[in-house]
């Protein structure tokens, strides 16, 4: 390959990066599993730590050169313990899936029974059985049994779950691990109601807080560790607005098996620049989390109500639609989720299609299911409030219900987004949350 050909690839990648930034600066990002980080977090991500290795734990590294890296990791763990009021924290997991696999490694053996949410009911693929390629089954070899689900309440069915546990005990195959949490997470899970039942059966209770970690940190959703959970895993880049990564918090009695399962069990180098970014995000949530989480929930409720009033079938009406950052709608009266996801994307409204609990019975597939999942945590960080949620609902209705041209709606989205450029709920804001920072020429 010639230098000219190589430069062509080089420039193309950089051009695409800039194009992405421009697109998102003109779009409404309503993906429930994303957020936009503060300038300070971004600063951490471009530091020299991104070039370094630090296998092991602070003070017991495999590599030299970790004098300051050790201090940063210890600070990150200290912040996590304060924020989540835990006795132990490990900031090394590189993702939420990695954090869950660490728990599976530490506390289960292949063939053990694990209870978790099924995917159409909101469970995550990291909790899935082998037949669908889920991490729990395919990687750890667990026998995954699904928690009974109340489709009207959009939550775990407590009475039926107790019956399931008792049945498994009678069979001589009690659960070894019970997993709360999921990807569709509208309402707090019944940890208080079920933790003792699981413990009496000999199961460890884990809570996957990937989506709601920021709300939990702020005391605005539920408090799993005080409600009976033994361990909480999470992503660090959803309602907790940090860099992509994972985190585990727990009690001191689980420290040693978790440490061993993190390294050498499931990680080598642990993305040190991201650990630094996690520390900054945790400090931000400590300082601004209560206000931020409260506004997220207000906005989610406002968006759900506005969509409902415009004719959308918003899921979870019995419970007031949502108590989290998420809103889920059944769009099957107007089309299928995959088709409408693409139509909204053409209007610069970024959402994701989502299986609904009853979609499999309707013969629908995850590539084109009956639902859309929305999240308001990112637009909330751009200083949007309930009135803006009304406008967003109207924009969506224009595309999906009224059948307006996505191209026409896109122009209104671009104009609307000009008013919302600044990141809030952090120590240092930015006038343009999606500004492309060009380093070439600075070195």
Protein backbone atom coordinates (compact mmCIF):
# COMPACT_ATOMS: atom_id res chain seq x y z
CA UNK A 1 0.00 0.00 0.00
CA UNK A 2 1.35 3.42 -0.92
CA UNK A 3 1.58 6.36 1.46
CA UNK A 4 -1.08 8.10 -0.63
CA UNK A 5 -3.48 5.17 -0.29
CA UNK A 6 -2.85 4.95 3.46
CA UNK A 7 -3.44 8.68 3.81
CA UNK A 8 -6.74 8.26 2.04
CA UNK A 9 -7.92 5.85 4.75
CA UNK A 10 -6.47 8.09 7.45
CA UNK A 11 -8.33 11.14 6.21
CA UNK A 12 -11.55 9.24 5.60
CA UNK A 13 -11.73 8.06 9.21
CA UNK A 14 -11.12 11.57 10.53
CA UNK A 15 -13.71 13.00 8.16
CA UNK A 16 -16.27 10.45 9.39
CA UNK A 17 -15.53 11.36 13.01
CA UNK A 18 -16.15 15.03 12.30
CA UNK A 19 -19.31 14.19 10.36
CA UNK A 20 -20.64 12.18 13.30
CA UNK A 21 -20.07 15.08 15.70
CA UNK A 22 -21.86 17.48 13.40
CA UNK A 23 -24.81 15.09 12.98
CA UNK A 24 -25.27 14.59 16.71
CA UNK A 25 -24.98 18.32 17.36
CA UNK A 26 -28.05 18.68 15.12
CA UNK A 27 -29.99 15.68 16.44
CA UNK A 28 -32.09 14.62 19.41
CA UNK A 29 -30.34 11.64 20.97
CA UNK A 30 -32.93 9.60 22.87
CA UNK A 31 -30.98 6.36 23.16
CA UNK A 32 -31.60 5.08 26.71
CA UNK A 33 -28.15 3.50 27.02
CA UNK A 34 -26.03 6.54 26.18
CA UNK A 35 -25.11 9.96 27.53
CA UNK A 36 -22.81 12.84 26.75
CA UNK A 37 -19.78 13.35 28.97
CA UNK A 38 -18.49 16.56 30.47
CA UNK A 39 -15.35 18.32 29.19
CA UNK A 40 -13.45 17.06 32.24
CA UNK A 41 -14.30 13.43 31.47
CA UNK A 42 -13.22 13.94 27.87
CA UNK A 43 -9.96 15.45 29.11
CA UNK A 44 -9.29 12.27 31.08
CA UNK A 45 -9.96 10.13 28.02
CA UNK A 46 -7.26 11.79 25.91
CA UNK A 47 -4.50 11.62 28.55
CA UNK A 48 -1.42 9.42 28.53
CA UNK A 49 -3.26 6.86 30.67
CA UNK A 50 -4.80 5.59 27.45
CA UNK A 51 -1.36 4.31 26.47
CA UNK A 52 -0.51 2.50 29.72
CA UNK A 53 -0.89 -0.90 31.40
CA UNK A 54 -1.61 -1.59 35.07
CA UNK A 55 -2.63 -5.23 35.49
CA UNK A 56 -3.50 -6.18 39.04
CA UNK A 57 -4.52 -3.96 41.96
CA UNK A 58 -2.93 -0.77 43.32
CA UNK A 59 0.32 -1.64 45.07
CA UNK A 60 0.40 -5.10 43.47
CA UNK A 61 0.83 -4.30 39.79
CA UNK A 62 2.45 -6.45 37.16
CA UNK A 63 3.87 -3.28 35.56
CA UNK A 64 5.99 -0.40 36.84
CA UNK A 65 5.08 3.20 36.15
CA UNK A 66 1.81 3.10 38.12
CA UNK A 67 2.61 5.65 40.84
CA UNK A 68 -0.19 8.03 39.86
CA UNK A 69 -2.37 5.42 38.19
CA UNK A 70 -2.67 3.62 41.54
CA UNK A 71 -3.77 6.81 43.27
CA UNK A 72 -6.40 7.48 40.59
CA UNK A 73 -7.84 3.97 40.85
CA UNK A 74 -7.98 4.16 44.64
CA UNK A 75 -9.74 7.53 44.43
CA UNK A 76 -12.24 6.12 41.94
CA UNK A 77 -13.05 3.20 44.22
CA UNK A 78 -13.34 5.53 47.20
CA UNK A 79 -15.77 7.75 45.31
CA UNK A 80 -17.84 4.74 44.21
CA UNK A 81 -18.10 3.50 47.79
CA UNK A 82 -19.24 6.92 48.97
CA UNK A 83 -21.72 7.44 46.17
CA UNK A 84 -23.31 4.00 46.46
CA UNK A 85 -22.72 3.59 50.22
CA UNK A 86 -20.93 0.31 49.75
CA UNK A 87 -18.09 -1.40 51.62
CA UNK A 88 -16.27 -2.44 48.47
CA UNK A 89 -15.92 -1.10 44.95
CA UNK A 90 -13.94 -2.14 41.89
CA UNK A 91 -13.69 0.29 38.99
CA UNK A 92 -11.68 -1.98 36.69
CA UNK A 93 -14.48 -3.75 34.75
CA UNK A 94 -14.42 -2.47 31.18
CA UNK A 95 -18.18 -2.77 30.61
CA UNK A 96 -21.44 -3.72 32.27
CA UNK A 97 -21.32 -7.11 30.55
CA UNK A 98 -17.79 -7.61 31.89
CA UNK A 99 -19.01 -6.70 35.39
CA UNK A 100 -21.79 -9.30 35.19
CA UNK A 101 -19.40 -11.96 33.91
CA UNK A 102 -17.09 -11.22 36.84
CA UNK A 103 -19.97 -11.97 39.24
CA UNK A 104 -20.79 -15.20 37.38
CA UNK A 105 -17.13 -16.22 37.58
CA UNK A 106 -16.78 -15.44 41.28
CA UNK A 107 -19.94 -17.07 42.58
CA UNK A 108 -21.25 -19.73 40.19
CA UNK A 109 -20.20 -22.92 38.48
CA UNK A 110 -21.26 -24.12 35.02
CA UNK A 111 -24.64 -25.80 35.28
CA UNK A 112 -25.86 -23.66 38.18
CA UNK A 113 -29.34 -22.16 37.92
CA UNK A 114 -29.57 -18.40 37.51
CA UNK A 115 -32.81 -16.43 37.62
CA UNK A 116 -33.07 -13.35 35.40
CA UNK A 117 -35.41 -11.39 33.17
CA UNK A 118 -36.10 -12.77 29.70
CA UNK A 119 -34.99 -10.52 26.84
CA UNK A 120 -38.47 -9.45 25.59
CA UNK A 121 -39.39 -8.51 29.18
CA UNK A 122 -36.37 -6.25 29.43
CA UNK A 123 -33.53 -8.60 30.33
CA UNK A 124 -30.07 -8.00 28.90
CA UNK A 125 -28.13 -10.38 26.68
CA UNK A 126 -25.50 -10.68 29.42
CA UNK A 127 -28.20 -12.55 31.40
CA UNK A 128 -29.25 -14.76 28.51
CA UNK A 129 -29.10 -18.56 28.07
CA UNK A 130 -26.78 -20.41 25.72
CA UNK A 131 -29.43 -20.95 23.03
CA UNK A 132 -29.52 -17.22 22.27
CA UNK A 133 -25.80 -16.68 22.78
CA UNK A 134 -26.26 -14.88 26.10
CA UNK A 135 -23.22 -14.34 28.29
CA UNK A 136 -24.56 -16.26 31.28
CA UNK A 137 -25.27 -19.38 29.27
CA UNK A 138 -22.80 -19.29 26.41
CA UNK A 139 -19.76 -18.08 28.36
CA UNK A 140 -20.31 -19.29 31.92
CA UNK A 141 -22.54 -22.27 31.15
CA UNK A 142 -25.33 -21.28 33.54
CA UNK A 143 -28.83 -22.67 33.26
CA UNK A 144 -30.93 -19.54 32.96
CA UNK A 145 -34.50 -19.65 34.22
CA UNK A 146 -36.70 -16.65 33.60
CA UNK A 147 -38.27 -14.58 36.33
CA UNK A 148 -42.09 -14.45 35.93
CA UNK A 149 -43.16 -11.09 34.55
CA UNK A 150 -46.34 -9.04 34.96
CA UNK A 151 -46.86 -7.45 31.54
CA UNK A 152 -49.43 -4.94 32.76
CA UNK A 153 -47.26 -3.72 35.65
CA UNK A 154 -44.08 -4.06 33.52
CA UNK A 155 -42.31 -5.63 36.47
CA UNK A 156 -41.31 -8.93 38.06
CA UNK A 157 -44.28 -10.89 39.39
CA UNK A 158 -43.50 -11.44 43.07
CA UNK A 159 -45.99 -14.21 43.84
CA UNK A 160 -45.14 -16.24 40.75
CA UNK A 161 -41.43 -15.82 41.40
CA UNK A 162 -41.82 -17.22 44.91
CA UNK A 163 -43.64 -20.22 43.42
CA UNK A 164 -40.83 -20.72 40.90
CA UNK A 165 -38.15 -20.66 43.61
CA UNK A 166 -40.06 -23.15 45.75
CA UNK A 167 -40.53 -25.41 42.73
CA UNK A 168 -36.81 -25.34 41.93
CA UNK A 169 -36.03 -26.19 45.55
CA UNK A 170 -38.37 -29.20 45.44
CA UNK A 171 -36.66 -30.35 42.25
CA UNK A 172 -33.35 -30.24 44.11
CA UNK A 173 -32.02 -27.58 41.75
CA UNK A 174 -32.34 -24.28 43.64
CA UNK A 175 -30.99 -21.06 42.10
CA UNK A 176 -27.43 -20.07 42.90
CA UNK A 177 -27.78 -16.55 41.54
CA UNK A 178 -30.73 -14.17 41.14
CA UNK A 179 -30.30 -11.14 38.91
CA UNK A 180 -32.45 -8.03 39.11
CA UNK A 181 -32.20 -5.26 36.52
CA UNK A 182 -32.39 -5.10 32.76
CA UNK A 183 -32.37 -3.04 29.60
CA UNK A 184 -36.02 -2.03 29.79
CA UNK A 185 -36.29 -0.66 33.29
CA UNK A 186 -39.30 1.54 33.90
CA UNK A 187 -39.98 0.84 37.58
CA UNK A 188 -37.95 -0.23 40.64
CA UNK A 189 -37.67 -4.00 40.93
CA UNK A 190 -39.09 -5.84 43.97
CA UNK A 191 -35.76 -6.41 45.71
CA UNK A 192 -37.22 -5.98 49.21
CA UNK A 193 -40.00 -8.44 48.48
CA UNK A 194 -37.78 -11.18 47.02
CA UNK A 195 -34.26 -10.89 48.47
CA UNK A 196 -35.03 -13.02 51.53
CA UNK A 197 -36.74 -15.64 49.36
CA UNK A 198 -33.65 -15.90 47.16
CA UNK A 199 -31.28 -15.95 50.13
CA UNK A 200 -33.27 -18.70 51.87
CA UNK A 201 -32.90 -20.78 48.71
CA UNK A 202 -29.13 -20.25 48.82
CA UNK A 203 -28.90 -17.74 45.98
CA UNK A 204 -26.66 -14.71 45.78
CA UNK A 205 -28.65 -11.60 44.88
CA UNK A 206 -27.17 -9.31 42.24
CA UNK A 207 -28.67 -6.11 40.85
CA UNK A 208 -27.67 -4.94 37.37
CA UNK A 209 -27.92 -1.16 37.65
CA UNK A 210 -26.49 -0.45 34.20
CA UNK A 211 -29.35 1.83 33.22
CA UNK A 212 -30.30 3.36 36.55
CA UNK A 213 -26.96 3.76 38.35
CA UNK A 214 -27.11 7.55 38.25
CA UNK A 215 -30.65 7.56 39.62
CA UNK A 216 -29.66 5.16 42.41
CA UNK A 217 -26.58 7.22 43.25
CA UNK A 218 -28.84 10.25 43.68
CA UNK A 219 -31.35 8.37 45.84
CA UNK A 220 -34.13 8.76 43.29
CA UNK A 221 -34.95 5.22 42.16
CA UNK A 222 -34.28 2.51 44.75
CA UNK A 223 -31.44 1.45 47.05
CA UNK A 224 -30.61 -2.16 46.13
CA UNK A 225 -27.82 -2.77 48.64
CA UNK A 226 -30.07 -1.70 51.53
CA UNK A 227 -33.04 -3.62 50.10
CA UNK A 228 -31.27 -6.98 50.13
CA UNK A 229 -28.96 -7.16 47.12
CA UNK A 230 -25.49 -8.55 47.81
CA UNK A 231 -23.76 -7.05 44.78
CA UNK A 232 -24.55 -4.28 42.31
CA UNK A 233 -23.04 -4.18 38.82
CA UNK A 234 -23.41 -1.32 36.38
CA UNK A 235 -22.36 0.51 33.27
CA UNK A 236 -20.86 3.94 33.82
CA UNK A 237 -22.23 5.76 30.78
CA UNK A 238 -26.04 5.93 30.95
CA UNK A 239 -27.77 7.81 33.77
CA UNK A 240 -24.31 7.83 35.34
CA UNK A 241 -22.75 10.18 32.76
CA UNK A 242 -19.23 8.85 32.55
CA UNK A 243 -17.09 7.15 29.94
CA UNK A 244 -18.01 3.72 28.65
CA UNK A 245 -17.09 1.14 31.25
CA UNK A 246 -18.28 -0.95 34.17
CA UNK A 247 -18.27 -0.86 37.96
CA UNK A 248 -19.02 -3.27 40.80
CA UNK A 249 -20.02 -2.27 44.34
CA UNK A 250 -20.71 -4.68 47.16
CA UNK A 251 -20.05 -5.66 50.76
CA UNK A 252 -16.61 -6.40 52.16
CA UNK A 253 -17.43 -10.11 52.59
CA UNK A 254 -17.48 -10.52 48.81
CA UNK A 255 -14.24 -8.61 48.17
CA UNK A 256 -11.76 -11.45 47.70
CA UNK A 257 -13.69 -13.59 45.20
CA UNK A 258 -14.59 -10.46 43.22
CA UNK A 259 -10.98 -9.23 43.10
CA UNK A 260 -9.79 -12.61 41.83
CA UNK A 261 -12.56 -12.76 39.23
CA UNK A 262 -11.67 -9.28 37.95
CA UNK A 263 -7.96 -10.07 37.60
CA UNK A 264 -6.75 -12.44 36.37
CA UNK A 265 -10.18 -13.92 35.69
CA UNK A 266 -11.82 -11.45 33.32
CA UNK A 267 -9.53 -8.50 32.65
CA UNK A 268 -5.96 -7.77 31.71
CA UNK A 269 -5.36 -4.08 31.22
CA UNK A 270 -8.39 -2.15 32.39
CA UNK A 271 -8.60 1.02 30.27
CA UNK A 272 -6.95 3.34 32.77
CA UNK A 273 -8.05 6.56 31.10
CA UNK A 274 -11.64 5.37 31.48
CA UNK A 275 -11.09 4.71 35.20
CA UNK A 276 -9.99 8.34 35.56
CA UNK A 277 -13.09 9.41 33.65
CA UNK A 278 -15.25 7.30 35.98
CA UNK A 279 -13.81 9.16 38.97
CA UNK A 280 -14.76 12.50 37.45
CA UNK A 281 -18.27 11.31 36.61
CA UNK A 282 -18.73 9.96 40.15
CA UNK A 283 -17.64 13.32 41.58
CA UNK A 284 -20.13 15.03 39.26
CA UNK A 285 -22.96 12.76 40.34
CA UNK A 286 -22.01 13.32 43.99
CA UNK A 287 -22.22 17.09 43.52
CA UNK A 288 -25.09 17.43 41.05
CA UNK A 289 -26.79 14.04 41.00
CA UNK A 290 -29.85 14.85 43.08
CA UNK A 291 -30.86 17.74 40.83
CA UNK A 292 -29.94 15.86 37.66
CA UNK A 293 -31.76 12.64 38.53
CA UNK A 294 -34.87 14.51 39.66
CA UNK A 295 -34.98 16.37 36.36
CA UNK A 296 -34.44 13.16 34.38
CA UNK A 297 -37.46 11.54 36.03
CA UNK A 298 -39.61 14.66 35.58
CA UNK A 299 -38.66 14.78 31.91
CA UNK A 300 -39.33 11.07 31.35
CA UNK A 301 -42.79 11.40 32.89
CA UNK A 302 -43.47 14.54 30.85
CA UNK A 303 -42.39 12.88 27.61
CA UNK A 304 -44.48 9.79 28.33
CA UNK A 305 -47.57 11.88 29.07
CA UNK A 306 -47.08 14.04 25.99
CA UNK A 307 -46.71 10.99 23.75
CA UNK A 308 -49.80 9.41 25.31
CA UNK A 309 -51.83 12.56 24.71
CA UNK A 310 -50.82 12.50 21.05
CA UNK A 311 -52.12 8.99 20.54
CA UNK A 312 -49.09 6.80 21.21
CA UNK A 313 -49.56 3.55 23.11
CA UNK A 314 -47.16 4.28 25.97
CA UNK A 315 -46.33 1.17 28.00
CA UNK A 316 -46.68 1.11 31.79
CA UNK A 317 -49.76 3.28 32.15
CA UNK A 318 -50.79 1.40 35.31
CA UNK A 319 -47.67 2.67 37.10
CA UNK A 320 -47.68 6.16 35.62
CA UNK A 321 -45.61 5.14 32.57
CA UNK A 322 -42.16 5.40 34.18
CA UNK A 323 -40.11 6.08 37.30
CA UNK A 324 -36.78 6.04 35.48
CA UNK A 325 -35.16 7.75 32.49
CA UNK A 326 -36.92 5.43 30.04
CA UNK A 327 -40.14 5.60 28.07
CA UNK A 328 -41.34 2.60 26.03
CA UNK A 329 -44.01 2.78 23.34
CA UNK A 330 -45.83 0.11 21.36
CA UNK A 331 -45.83 1.47 17.81
CA UNK A 332 -47.43 -1.54 16.14
CA UNK A 333 -50.53 0.50 15.24
CA UNK A 334 -48.35 2.61 12.95
CA UNK A 335 -45.69 0.18 11.75
CA UNK A 336 -42.82 -1.83 13.18
CA UNK A 337 -40.03 -0.67 15.43
CA UNK A 338 -37.16 -1.15 13.03
CA UNK A 339 -38.89 0.67 10.19
CA UNK A 340 -39.94 3.56 12.42
CA UNK A 341 -36.51 3.75 14.04
CA UNK A 342 -35.02 4.39 10.59
CA UNK A 343 -37.74 6.90 9.74
CA UNK A 344 -37.08 8.86 12.93
CA UNK A 345 -33.33 8.71 12.28
CA UNK A 346 -33.97 10.38 8.92
CA UNK A 347 -35.60 13.17 10.94
CA UNK A 348 -32.52 13.38 13.22
CA UNK A 349 -34.43 11.82 16.11
CA UNK A 350 -32.26 8.97 17.39
CA UNK A 351 -34.11 6.17 19.22
CA UNK A 352 -33.82 2.40 19.32
CA UNK A 353 -36.27 -0.34 18.39
CA UNK A 354 -37.09 -2.70 21.25
CA UNK A 355 -38.81 -6.02 21.76
CA UNK A 356 -41.93 -5.82 23.90
CA UNK A 357 -42.90 -8.62 26.33
CA UNK A 358 -45.66 -9.84 23.98
CA UNK A 359 -43.79 -9.46 20.68
CA UNK A 360 -42.71 -13.10 20.39
CA UNK A 361 -46.36 -14.18 20.68
CA UNK A 362 -47.12 -11.77 17.85
CA UNK A 363 -44.46 -13.37 15.68
CA UNK A 364 -42.19 -10.33 15.76
CA UNK A 365 -38.38 -10.34 15.75
CA UNK A 366 -35.85 -8.10 17.47
CA UNK A 367 -34.81 -6.61 14.11
CA UNK A 368 -38.31 -5.27 13.57
CA UNK A 369 -40.19 -5.52 16.87
CA UNK A 370 -43.30 -3.71 18.04
CA UNK A 371 -41.65 -1.22 20.34
CA UNK A 372 -39.41 1.81 20.61
CA UNK A 373 -37.37 2.61 23.71
CA UNK A 374 -36.55 6.23 24.56
CA UNK A 375 -34.25 7.75 27.18
CA UNK A 376 -34.15 11.39 28.31
CA UNK A 377 -30.87 11.47 30.28
CA UNK A 378 -28.84 13.00 27.45
CA UNK A 379 -31.30 15.74 26.44
CA UNK A 380 -31.76 16.50 30.14
CA UNK A 381 -28.04 17.14 30.39
CA UNK A 382 -28.46 19.69 27.60
CA UNK A 383 -30.81 21.73 29.87
CA UNK A 384 -34.08 20.54 28.37
CA UNK A 385 -37.16 20.36 30.59
CA UNK A 386 -40.83 19.28 30.46
CA UNK A 387 -41.82 21.87 27.84
CA UNK A 388 -39.09 20.56 25.53
CA UNK A 389 -40.39 17.03 26.11
CA UNK A 390 -43.76 18.21 24.78
CA UNK A 391 -42.09 19.48 21.64
CA UNK A 392 -40.11 16.26 21.18
CA UNK A 393 -43.34 14.27 21.47
CA UNK A 394 -44.90 16.47 18.82
CA UNK A 395 -41.93 15.98 16.49
CA UNK A 396 -42.25 12.21 16.88
CA UNK A 397 -45.99 12.34 16.29
CA UNK A 398 -45.45 14.31 13.10
CA UNK A 399 -43.25 11.53 11.73
CA UNK A 400 -45.03 8.43 13.04
CA UNK A 401 -48.69 9.35 13.44
CA UNK A 402 -49.20 12.22 11.00
CA UNK A 403 -46.88 10.80 8.36
CA UNK A 404 -44.95 13.99 7.67
CA UNK A 405 -41.79 13.83 5.64
CA UNK A 406 -38.79 13.05 7.87
CA UNK A 407 -36.75 15.52 5.84
CA UNK A 408 -39.17 18.32 6.70
CA UNK A 409 -39.18 17.42 10.40
CA UNK A 410 -35.38 17.19 10.36
CA UNK A 411 -35.10 20.89 9.54
CA UNK A 412 -37.18 21.72 12.62
CA UNK A 413 -35.03 19.41 14.76
CA UNK A 414 -31.84 21.13 13.54
CA UNK A 415 -33.29 24.56 14.30
CA UNK A 416 -34.53 23.43 17.71
CA UNK A 417 -31.16 21.97 18.70
CA UNK A 418 -29.42 25.31 18.17
CA UNK A 419 -30.87 26.44 21.51
CA UNK A 420 -29.37 23.53 23.46
CA UNK A 421 -25.60 23.36 23.19
CA UNK A 422 -24.38 23.51 26.78
CA UNK A 423 -23.78 20.58 29.13
CA UNK A 424 -25.21 20.97 32.62
CA UNK A 425 -24.76 19.08 35.93
CA UNK A 426 -20.97 19.15 35.87
CA UNK A 427 -18.16 21.32 37.25
CA UNK A 428 -17.07 22.64 33.85
CA UNK A 429 -19.66 23.09 31.13
CA UNK A 430 -19.16 23.37 27.40
CA UNK A 431 -20.90 25.69 24.97
CA UNK A 432 -21.06 22.89 22.40
CA UNK A 433 -21.57 19.47 23.91
CA UNK A 434 -20.67 17.74 20.65
CA UNK A 435 -17.83 19.98 19.46
CA UNK A 436 -15.16 18.04 17.60
CA UNK A 437 -11.82 18.61 19.31
CA UNK A 438 -9.02 18.47 16.76
CA UNK A 439 -5.62 17.66 18.26
CA UNK A 440 -3.69 17.46 15.00
CA UNK A 441 -1.40 20.44 14.76
CA UNK A 442 -1.17 20.91 18.54
CA UNK A 443 1.77 18.54 18.89
